[in-house]
Protein backbone atom coordinates (compact mmCIF):
# COMPACT_ATOMS: atom_id res chain seq x y z
CA MET A 1 0.00 0.00 0.00
CA LYS A 2 1.39 3.38 -0.95
CA ARG A 3 1.40 6.24 1.56
CA LYS A 4 0.98 9.91 0.86
CA VAL A 5 3.06 12.10 3.17
CA GLY A 6 2.89 15.84 3.68
CA TYR A 7 3.69 18.54 6.17
CA LYS A 8 2.42 21.81 7.56
CA TRP A 9 4.85 24.68 8.18
CA ARG A 10 3.90 26.27 11.51
CA LEU A 11 6.43 29.13 11.73
CA ARG A 12 3.82 31.89 11.61
CA GLU A 13 1.79 30.29 14.42
CA LEU A 14 4.83 29.94 16.67
CA MET A 15 5.95 33.50 15.93
CA ALA A 16 2.52 34.80 17.00
CA GLN A 17 2.75 32.84 20.26
CA HIS A 18 6.02 34.69 20.97
CA GLN A 19 4.58 38.11 20.03
CA ILE A 20 6.56 38.29 16.75
CA PHE A 21 4.10 39.43 14.10
CA THR A 22 6.22 40.46 11.08
CA ALA A 23 9.09 38.99 9.15
CA THR A 24 11.15 42.15 9.70
CA GLU A 25 11.08 41.49 13.45
CA LEU A 26 12.62 38.07 12.79
CA VAL A 27 15.56 39.35 10.68
CA PRO A 28 17.66 40.79 13.57
CA LEU A 29 16.93 37.75 15.75
CA LEU A 30 18.31 35.50 13.02
CA ARG A 31 21.35 37.77 12.54
CA GLU A 32 22.15 37.46 16.26
CA ARG A 33 22.48 33.73 15.63
CA GLY A 34 24.69 34.06 12.56
CA ILE A 35 21.99 33.67 9.90
CA ASP A 36 22.20 36.47 7.32
CA LEU A 37 19.04 36.34 5.25
CA SER A 38 17.55 39.28 3.39
CA ALA A 39 14.17 40.66 4.43
CA SER A 40 12.58 39.14 1.32
CA GLN A 41 14.06 35.71 2.08
CA VAL A 42 12.72 35.84 5.65
CA HIS A 43 9.34 37.03 4.32
CA ARG A 44 9.14 33.99 2.00
CA LEU A 45 10.15 31.75 4.91
CA VAL A 46 7.37 33.18 7.09
CA SER A 47 4.59 33.52 4.52
CA GLY A 48 5.18 30.38 2.48
CA THR A 49 5.95 26.72 3.03
CA PRO A 50 9.60 25.96 2.29
CA GLU A 51 10.49 22.82 0.38
CA ARG A 52 14.12 22.99 1.52
CA LEU A 53 15.61 24.52 4.64
CA SER A 54 19.15 24.44 6.02
CA LEU A 55 19.64 22.92 9.43
CA GLN A 56 21.38 26.11 10.62
CA VAL A 57 18.23 28.13 9.88
CA MET A 58 16.06 25.46 11.51
CA ALA A 59 18.26 25.46 14.62
CA ALA A 60 18.18 29.28 14.80
CA LEU A 61 14.38 29.34 14.49
CA CYS A 62 14.09 26.70 17.20
CA ASP A 63 16.36 28.76 19.47
CA ILE A 64 14.43 31.98 18.83
CA LEU A 65 11.04 30.35 19.39
CA SER A 66 12.13 27.93 22.16
CA CYS A 67 10.73 24.98 20.25
CA THR A 68 11.78 21.77 18.54
CA PRO A 69 11.81 21.00 14.80
CA ALA A 70 8.72 18.85 15.40
CA ASP A 71 6.92 21.98 16.62
CA LEU A 72 7.82 23.85 13.42
CA VAL A 73 6.93 21.05 11.02
CA ALA A 74 3.76 19.02 11.59
CA THR A 75 3.86 15.91 9.42
CA THR A 76 0.93 13.96 8.00
CA ALA A 77 0.73 10.52 6.42
CA GLU A 78 -2.22 8.67 4.98
CA ASN A 79 -2.82 5.65 2.82
CA ALA A 80 -3.13 6.51 -0.86
CA GLY A 81 -6.15 5.05 -2.59
CA VAL A 82 -5.78 2.25 -5.10
CA ARG A 83 -6.30 3.39 -8.67
CA LYS A 84 -9.08 1.65 -10.54
CA THR A 85 -9.26 1.12 -14.26
CA ALA A 86 -11.97 2.83 -16.28
CA THR A 87 -13.72 -0.46 -17.03
CA GLY A 88 -13.35 -1.86 -13.54
CA ASP A 89 -11.25 -4.76 -14.88
CA LEU A 90 -8.50 -6.10 -12.70
CA PRO A 91 -4.94 -6.11 -14.02
CA ALA A 92 -3.87 -9.28 -15.81
CA PRO A 93 -2.33 -11.88 -13.50
CA PRO A 94 1.41 -12.46 -14.02
CA GLY A 95 0.86 -15.90 -15.61
CA ASP A 96 -1.04 -14.44 -18.59
CA ILE A 97 1.72 -12.02 -19.63
CA ALA A 98 2.97 -14.38 -22.35
CA LYS A 99 -0.40 -14.06 -24.12
CA LEU A 100 -0.06 -10.27 -24.16
CA ARG A 101 3.36 -10.16 -25.82
CA PRO A 102 3.36 -9.49 -29.57
CA ARG A 103 4.49 -12.24 -31.88
CA PRO A 104 7.06 -11.51 -34.57
CA ALA A 105 5.62 -11.08 -38.07
CA ARG A 106 6.46 -13.62 -40.77
CA ILE A 107 6.93 -12.36 -44.28
CA LEU A 108 5.96 -14.88 -46.95
CA PRO A 109 7.17 -14.76 -50.55
CA ASP A 110 4.67 -13.70 -53.23
CA ALA A 111 2.99 -16.67 -54.80
């Protein structure tokens, strides 16, 4: 069974709990910890959901917000549904594969 995994980025929620309401307030706090990001980079980090994030930035955010990485990233996992064919037919069993293979063509001389 396949599983579909996802995550929710909770930075904005944790910032609000610590009375930090704008990305510009976060910039100097990150700089104090050796993370030099531009205001626009921090804004994207706060307003969006990052696909990639360095561990240094994650560690700095956890230090600023007194949290763990699990607090910043809430993961989800669920079973993916099984795809059905349009006709509702089941896939051919492995033993019948030989019947599905094409046979080579024979070319006969003109009579």
